[in-house]
Amino acid sequence: MLLSDFDFDLPEDLIATRPAVPRSAARLLVSDGPRITDAHVGDLPDWLRPGDRLVLNDTRVIPARLTGTRRRMSGQGEVTAKIEATLLSPRPDGQWTALLKPLRKVQVGEEIRFGDDFAARLTGVEDGQGVLRFNLEGEAFGQALEAHGAMPLPPYIAGRRAADARDRDDYQSVFARNTGAVAAPTASLHFDRALLDRLAAMGVTFSHVTLHVGAGTFLPVKVEDVRTHRMHAEWGRVSETAAAEIAATRAEGGRVIPVGTTALRLIETAARAGGIAPWEGETDIFIYPGFDFRVTDALMTNFHLPKSTLLMLVSALIGRERVMAIYDHAVRNGYRFFSYGDASLLIPQP
């Protein structure tokens, strides 16, 4: 199974840098068995049915991108330099791993100031990432992040424009509640309250799970034999309530439809022993063609990068040749790609 098997040509002008307004106005490509239908997210009630259950990732994205200044004394006096930090994940000891630019300019022990009362000290370097100890903890740390941080837009957006005030809302789902992600579960961004209410009124049910999406979701696959790729680990939780709801839906003949690859990876992790069960911990599950799905009946997801693990995941669900036909249709018909792009509803053939 080769990395080149998951490649396709994507015109750069199809990469979205802003979301559709309103959220549910985004386009929706529906693949239902052999058929491809062009629709909009607001048309979801036409494709779902009473008894279906949508699984929603309720992680909340933190404003993890910080701009600060390092100061140190040299023979010429005080030297200052701008440093950009993107927080990646908290450590058990209260420190954070972070991408620092430029990392080579910061010495272990140096302090980086992000505001008058907000600073961090570099305590170490591991695998090309900095380890930071902040001067604030708990609620004070969260308030400082809100005041000084920016939303951590994906590289393919951040390379074109800086995050701004609009992204505080745009890059957060309306049902986000558990803080900890440094990237959004982007299929969730298409839902607004009105659409959720319409779906509930027709008998669609919802289960909330939490997977804190990490920056590793944007890391490229660097091996040609994709089976040797190692996934990054992300923390997640499937509660007793969510597991019971999903199990009941399957027992009653309803469809379980994760919204986003993060929700799918989490519930499939929780179902590795057979039926779904409550689960909490770090998952590095890698889903590629040949995977045995235990609880997923369909998937709503955005359009993904060429050669990405996410493209491999959707290929596992509906077949690589089918995915390539869908993506060819999406490119030819001007669908918008990636985090702020359009969506697809993928229903496998029976």
Protein backbone atom coordinates (compact mmCIF):
# COMPACT_ATOMS: atom_id res chain seq x y z
CA MET A 1 0.00 0.00 0.00
CA LEU A 2 1.91 3.01 -1.30
CA LEU A 3 1.73 6.66 -0.39
CA SER A 4 1.45 7.51 -4.08
CA ASP A 5 -1.84 5.58 -4.19
CA PHE A 6 -3.42 8.43 -2.22
CA ASP A 7 -2.23 11.35 -4.33
CA PHE A 8 -4.30 13.67 -6.51
CA ASP A 9 -3.92 17.06 -8.16
CA LEU A 10 -5.48 19.94 -6.23
CA PRO A 11 -5.60 23.47 -7.67
CA GLU A 12 -4.41 25.94 -5.05
CA ASP A 13 -7.40 28.22 -5.61
CA LEU A 14 -9.71 25.52 -4.17
CA ILE A 15 -8.11 25.80 -0.70
CA ALA A 16 -10.56 27.79 1.43
CA THR A 17 -9.23 30.55 3.68
CA ARG A 18 -12.64 31.60 5.08
CA PRO A 19 -15.71 29.47 5.85
CA ALA A 20 -19.11 29.74 4.22
CA VAL A 21 -21.59 32.12 5.85
CA PRO A 22 -23.85 30.95 7.34
CA ARG A 23 -22.13 27.73 8.35
CA SER A 24 -24.78 25.46 6.86
CA ALA A 25 -24.49 27.21 3.47
CA ALA A 26 -21.34 25.19 2.72
CA ARG A 27 -21.67 22.71 -0.12
CA LEU A 28 -22.19 19.03 0.65
CA LEU A 29 -21.15 16.23 -1.68
CA VAL A 30 -23.21 13.14 -0.91
CA SER A 31 -21.81 9.76 -1.91
CA ASP A 32 -24.59 7.22 -1.35
CA GLY A 33 -23.50 3.90 -2.73
CA PRO A 34 -22.70 4.44 -6.42
CA ARG A 35 -24.36 7.87 -6.64
CA ILE A 36 -22.76 11.31 -6.20
CA THR A 37 -25.14 14.19 -5.48
CA ASP A 38 -24.28 17.87 -5.12
CA ALA A 39 -26.14 19.48 -2.22
CA HIS A 40 -25.57 21.84 0.72
CA VAL A 41 -25.01 21.16 4.41
CA GLY A 42 -28.43 22.66 5.08
CA ASP A 43 -29.88 19.74 3.07
CA LEU A 44 -28.67 17.15 5.61
CA PRO A 45 -32.25 16.40 6.76
CA ASP A 46 -32.89 15.08 3.24
CA TRP A 47 -30.17 12.48 3.64
CA LEU A 48 -30.61 11.45 7.28
CA ARG A 49 -33.54 9.60 8.76
CA PRO A 50 -35.21 9.21 12.16
CA GLY A 51 -33.14 6.94 14.37
CA ASP A 52 -29.79 8.03 12.94
CA ARG A 53 -27.25 9.18 15.51
CA LEU A 54 -24.62 11.84 14.80
CA VAL A 55 -21.49 11.58 16.95
CA LEU A 56 -20.08 15.04 17.67
CA ASN A 57 -16.60 15.90 18.93
CA ASP A 58 -17.15 18.60 21.57
CA THR A 59 -13.50 19.55 22.02
CA ARG A 60 -12.80 23.28 22.32
CA VAL A 61 -9.86 24.88 20.51
CA ILE A 62 -7.56 27.05 22.61
CA PRO A 63 -5.95 30.21 21.16
CA ALA A 64 -2.66 28.35 21.09
CA ARG A 65 -0.56 30.64 18.88
CA LEU A 66 1.48 33.19 20.84
CA THR A 67 3.89 35.93 19.77
CA GLY A 68 6.48 36.92 22.32
CA THR A 69 9.91 38.43 22.86
CA ARG A 70 13.05 36.88 24.27
CA ARG A 71 15.56 39.05 26.06
CA ARG A 72 19.10 38.20 27.05
CA MET A 73 22.28 40.06 27.84
CA SER A 74 25.28 39.95 25.53
CA GLY A 75 28.54 41.79 25.27
CA GLN A 76 26.67 44.56 23.43
CA GLY A 77 23.96 44.84 26.08
CA GLU A 78 20.39 43.51 26.03
CA VAL A 79 19.39 41.60 22.90
CA THR A 80 15.71 41.14 21.99
CA ALA A 81 14.12 38.97 19.33
CA LYS A 82 10.59 38.02 18.27
CA ILE A 83 9.56 34.43 18.98
CA GLU A 84 6.43 32.64 17.80
CA ALA A 85 5.12 29.76 19.90
CA THR A 86 2.37 27.31 19.00
CA LEU A 87 1.31 25.21 21.97
CA LEU A 88 0.97 21.53 21.15
CA SER A 89 0.01 19.63 24.28
CA PRO A 90 0.14 19.89 28.07
CA ARG A 91 2.47 17.56 29.99
CA PRO A 92 1.66 15.79 33.27
CA ASP A 93 4.09 18.10 35.09
CA GLY A 94 2.15 21.21 34.01
CA GLN A 95 4.57 22.25 31.27
CA TRP A 96 3.66 22.50 27.56
CA THR A 97 5.34 21.21 24.44
CA ALA A 98 5.40 23.87 21.74
CA LEU A 99 6.70 24.67 18.29
CA LEU A 100 9.03 27.66 18.58
CA LYS A 101 10.12 29.80 15.65
CA PRO A 102 13.05 30.18 15.51
CA LEU A 103 13.84 27.46 18.06
CA ARG A 104 17.58 27.69 17.47
CA LYS A 105 17.60 31.28 18.76
CA VAL A 106 16.25 30.37 22.21
CA GLN A 107 18.54 28.90 24.83
CA VAL A 108 17.36 26.55 27.56
CA GLY A 109 16.66 28.66 30.63
CA GLU A 110 15.66 31.76 28.66
CA GLU A 111 12.37 33.52 29.28
CA ILE A 112 9.92 34.48 26.54
CA ARG A 113 7.48 37.24 27.42
CA PHE A 114 4.04 37.26 25.80
CA GLY A 115 2.60 40.11 27.87
CA ASP A 116 3.37 42.25 30.90
CA ASP A 117 2.33 39.47 33.30
CA PHE A 118 2.49 36.45 30.98
CA ALA A 119 5.75 34.62 30.28
CA ALA A 120 7.28 31.18 29.83
CA ARG A 121 10.73 29.73 30.34
CA LEU A 122 12.27 27.21 27.95
CA THR A 123 13.18 24.23 30.13
CA GLY A 124 14.21 21.79 27.43
CA VAL A 125 14.09 20.68 23.79
CA GLU A 126 12.68 17.29 22.76
CA ASP A 127 12.29 16.00 19.19
CA GLY A 128 12.58 19.49 17.74
CA GLN A 129 9.94 20.89 20.09
CA GLY A 130 10.38 23.26 23.00
CA VAL A 131 9.22 22.52 26.52
CA LEU A 132 7.78 25.62 28.20
CA ARG A 133 6.97 26.32 31.83
CA PHE A 134 4.54 29.22 32.12
CA ASN A 135 4.38 31.62 35.04
CA LEU A 136 0.61 31.16 35.33
CA GLU A 137 -1.59 28.14 35.99
CA GLY A 138 -5.23 27.14 35.94
CA GLU A 139 -7.80 29.84 35.34
CA ALA A 140 -5.19 32.59 35.21
CA PHE A 141 -3.34 30.74 32.45
CA GLY A 142 -6.57 30.31 30.47
CA GLN A 143 -7.40 33.99 30.80
CA ALA A 144 -3.91 34.97 29.65
CA LEU A 145 -4.20 32.71 26.60
CA GLU A 146 -7.54 34.29 25.71
CA ALA A 147 -5.99 37.74 26.03
CA HIS A 148 -2.73 37.14 24.18
CA GLY A 149 -3.22 34.08 21.97
CA ALA A 150 -4.53 33.67 18.45
CA MET A 151 -6.41 30.74 16.94
CA PRO A 152 -3.95 28.14 15.57
CA LEU A 153 -5.06 28.12 11.95
CA PRO A 154 -3.71 25.26 9.82
CA PRO A 155 -0.45 25.89 7.94
CA TYR A 156 -2.20 26.15 4.56
CA ILE A 157 -4.28 29.07 5.89
CA ALA A 158 -1.70 30.63 8.22
CA GLY A 159 0.71 30.83 5.28
CA ARG A 160 -1.73 33.14 3.50
CA ARG A 161 -3.10 35.32 6.27
CA ALA A 162 -2.90 35.88 10.01
CA ALA A 163 -5.64 34.72 12.35
CA ASP A 164 -8.04 37.50 13.29
CA ALA A 165 -11.08 38.17 15.46
CA ARG A 166 -13.41 36.35 13.05
CA ASP A 167 -11.48 33.12 13.54
CA ARG A 168 -12.33 33.12 17.26
CA ASP A 169 -15.85 32.11 16.21
CA ASP A 170 -15.24 30.56 12.79
CA TYR A 171 -12.65 28.03 14.03
CA GLN A 172 -14.84 26.80 16.90
CA SER A 173 -17.88 24.55 16.69
CA VAL A 174 -21.14 25.73 18.24
CA PHE A 175 -21.12 22.71 20.58
CA ALA A 176 -17.49 23.05 21.74
CA ARG A 177 -17.24 22.75 25.52
CA ASN A 178 -14.19 20.73 26.63
CA THR A 179 -11.04 22.83 26.26
CA GLY A 180 -7.87 21.23 24.97
CA ALA A 181 -7.57 21.08 21.17
CA VAL A 182 -4.98 22.96 19.14
CA ALA A 183 -6.79 22.23 15.86
CA ALA A 184 -10.50 22.17 15.14
CA PRO A 185 -12.56 19.09 14.27
CA THR A 186 -13.47 20.85 11.07
CA ALA A 187 -16.53 18.90 9.91
CA SER A 188 -18.17 20.19 13.09
CA LEU A 189 -17.77 23.78 11.89
CA HIS A 190 -20.64 23.35 9.40
CA PHE A 191 -23.33 23.05 12.06
CA ASP A 192 -25.32 25.96 13.45
CA ARG A 193 -28.04 25.82 16.08
CA ALA A 194 -30.83 26.05 13.52
CA LEU A 195 -29.58 22.97 11.64
CA LEU A 196 -29.11 20.99 14.86
CA ASP A 197 -32.68 21.87 15.89
CA ARG A 198 -34.07 20.77 12.50
CA LEU A 199 -32.28 17.45 12.74
CA ALA A 200 -33.48 16.86 16.30
CA ALA A 201 -37.06 17.67 15.30
CA MET A 202 -37.01 14.95 12.62
CA GLY A 203 -35.74 12.31 15.03
CA VAL A 204 -31.96 12.41 14.55
CA THR A 205 -30.13 11.99 17.86
CA PHE A 206 -26.70 13.18 19.02
CA SER A 207 -23.89 11.82 21.16
CA HIS A 208 -20.99 13.94 22.37
CA VAL A 209 -17.47 12.57 22.65
CA THR A 210 -14.18 14.40 23.19
CA LEU A 211 -10.96 14.07 21.21
CA HIS A 212 -8.47 16.89 21.72
CA VAL A 213 -7.14 17.35 18.20
CA GLY A 214 -3.39 17.93 18.11
CA ALA A 215 -1.15 19.74 15.64
CA GLY A 216 0.09 16.34 14.52
CA THR A 217 -3.02 16.08 12.38
CA PHE A 218 -1.18 18.30 9.86
CA LEU A 219 2.06 16.28 9.81
CA PRO A 220 2.84 14.74 6.41
CA VAL A 221 3.30 11.02 5.86
CA LYS A 222 6.99 10.53 5.06
CA VAL A 223 7.11 6.79 4.34
CA GLU A 224 6.23 5.23 0.99
CA ASP A 225 4.77 2.09 2.57
CA VAL A 226 1.92 3.70 4.51
CA ARG A 227 1.56 0.68 6.80
CA THR A 228 4.81 1.69 8.51
CA HIS A 229 3.58 5.21 9.35
CA ARG A 230 3.25 6.04 13.05
CA MET A 231 0.29 8.19 14.06
CA HIS A 232 0.52 10.96 16.64
CA ALA A 233 -1.34 10.29 19.90
CA GLU A 234 -4.30 12.38 21.00
CA TRP A 235 -6.28 12.29 24.24
CA GLY A 236 -9.93 11.34 24.05
CA ARG A 237 -12.90 10.14 26.05
CA VAL A 238 -16.09 8.24 25.28
CA SER A 239 -18.35 8.52 28.31
CA GLU A 240 -20.61 5.76 29.63
CA THR A 241 -23.57 7.77 28.36
CA ALA A 242 -22.18 8.15 24.83
CA ALA A 243 -21.20 4.48 24.63
CA ALA A 244 -24.66 3.37 25.78
CA GLU A 245 -26.37 5.69 23.29
CA ILE A 246 -24.28 4.45 20.37
CA ALA A 247 -24.83 0.82 21.35
CA ALA A 248 -28.60 1.39 21.64
CA THR A 249 -28.77 3.01 18.20
CA ARG A 250 -27.02 0.06 16.61
CA ALA A 251 -29.25 -2.41 18.44
CA GLU A 252 -32.34 -0.56 17.20
CA GLY A 253 -31.18 -0.55 13.58
CA GLY A 254 -30.22 3.12 13.38
CA ARG A 255 -27.07 4.39 11.71
CA VAL A 256 -24.10 5.74 13.68
CA ILE A 257 -22.57 8.63 11.74
CA PRO A 258 -19.48 10.37 13.16
CA VAL A 259 -19.13 14.03 12.25
CA GLY A 260 -15.47 14.22 11.34
CA THR A 261 -12.55 11.83 11.26
CA THR A 262 -11.67 12.67 14.88
CA ALA A 263 -15.02 11.40 16.16
CA LEU A 264 -14.69 8.31 13.96
CA ARG A 265 -11.18 7.50 15.18
CA LEU A 266 -12.31 7.85 18.79
CA ILE A 267 -15.39 5.63 18.65
CA GLU A 268 -13.52 2.99 16.66
CA THR A 269 -10.80 3.07 19.33
CA ALA A 270 -13.48 2.51 21.97
CA ALA A 271 -14.86 -0.44 19.97
CA ARG A 272 -11.65 -2.40 19.38
CA ALA A 273 -12.66 -5.10 21.86
CA GLY A 274 -15.93 -5.67 20.00
CA GLY A 275 -18.96 -3.55 20.85
CA ILE A 276 -18.40 0.04 21.88
CA ALA A 277 -17.56 0.64 25.54
CA PRO A 278 -16.63 3.65 27.69
CA TRP A 279 -13.02 4.62 27.03
CA GLU A 280 -10.49 7.26 28.07
CA GLY A 281 -6.84 7.72 27.21
CA GLU A 282 -4.51 8.46 24.29
CA THR A 283 -5.26 6.96 20.91
CA ASP A 284 -2.88 6.62 17.98
CA ILE A 285 -5.20 4.45 15.92
CA PHE A 286 -4.28 4.47 12.21
CA ILE A 287 -7.15 3.65 9.85
CA TYR A 288 -6.30 2.68 6.28
CA PRO A 289 -7.83 0.28 3.71
CA GLY A 290 -8.46 -3.11 5.22
CA PHE A 291 -9.57 -1.70 8.58
CA ASP A 292 -12.44 -3.49 10.34
CA PHE A 293 -15.06 -0.88 11.25
CA ARG A 294 -17.06 -1.88 14.33
CA VAL A 295 -19.52 0.98 14.88
CA THR A 296 -19.32 3.45 11.98
CA ASP A 297 -22.08 3.29 9.35
CA ALA A 298 -21.32 6.51 7.45
CA LEU A 299 -19.19 9.63 7.84
CA MET A 300 -19.53 13.37 7.40
CA THR A 301 -16.14 14.95 6.74
CA ASN A 302 -14.37 17.75 4.88
CA PHE A 303 -12.10 17.26 1.85
CA HIS A 304 -8.58 16.27 2.83
CA LEU A 305 -4.97 16.76 1.79
CA PRO A 306 -3.39 14.53 -0.85
CA LYS A 307 -1.30 11.72 0.67
CA SER A 308 -2.79 12.35 4.13
CA THR A 309 -3.81 9.83 6.78
CA LEU A 310 -7.31 11.32 6.63
CA LEU A 311 -7.59 10.46 2.94
CA MET A 312 -6.50 6.93 3.85
CA LEU A 313 -9.22 6.79 6.49
CA VAL A 314 -12.03 7.70 4.10
CA SER A 315 -10.57 5.23 1.59
CA ALA A 316 -10.85 2.54 4.25
CA LEU A 317 -14.53 3.34 4.70
CA ILE A 318 -15.72 3.53 1.09
CA GLY A 319 -12.81 2.28 -1.02
CA ARG A 320 -9.82 4.04 -2.57
CA GLU A 321 -11.15 4.02 -6.14
CA ARG A 322 -14.45 5.47 -4.94
CA VAL A 323 -12.64 8.20 -3.02
CA MET A 324 -10.58 9.14 -6.06
CA ALA A 325 -13.74 9.41 -8.16
CA ILE A 326 -15.35 11.61 -5.50
CA TYR A 327 -12.32 13.88 -5.27
CA ASP A 328 -12.10 14.15 -9.05
CA HIS A 329 -15.77 15.23 -9.06
CA ALA A 330 -15.11 17.70 -6.23
CA VAL A 331 -12.17 19.32 -8.02
CA ARG A 332 -13.98 19.54 -11.36
CA ASN A 333 -17.02 21.11 -9.68
CA GLY A 334 -15.15 23.66 -7.61
CA TYR A 335 -15.66 22.33 -4.10
CA ARG A 336 -13.65 24.17 -1.45
CA PHE A 337 -11.04 22.08 0.39
CA PHE A 338 -9.64 21.60 3.88
CA SER A 339 -10.52 23.14 7.26
CA TYR A 340 -12.72 26.02 6.09
CA GLY A 341 -13.92 24.18 3.00
CA ASP A 342 -17.00 22.22 2.02
CA ALA A 343 -18.19 18.86 3.35
CA SER A 344 -19.00 15.37 2.17
CA LEU A 345 -21.42 12.76 3.46
CA LEU A 346 -19.99 9.33 2.71
CA ILE A 347 -22.39 6.39 2.88
CA PRO A 348 -20.73 3.06 2.01
CA GLN A 349 -22.35 0.59 -0.32
CA PRO A 350 -24.18 -2.18 1.58
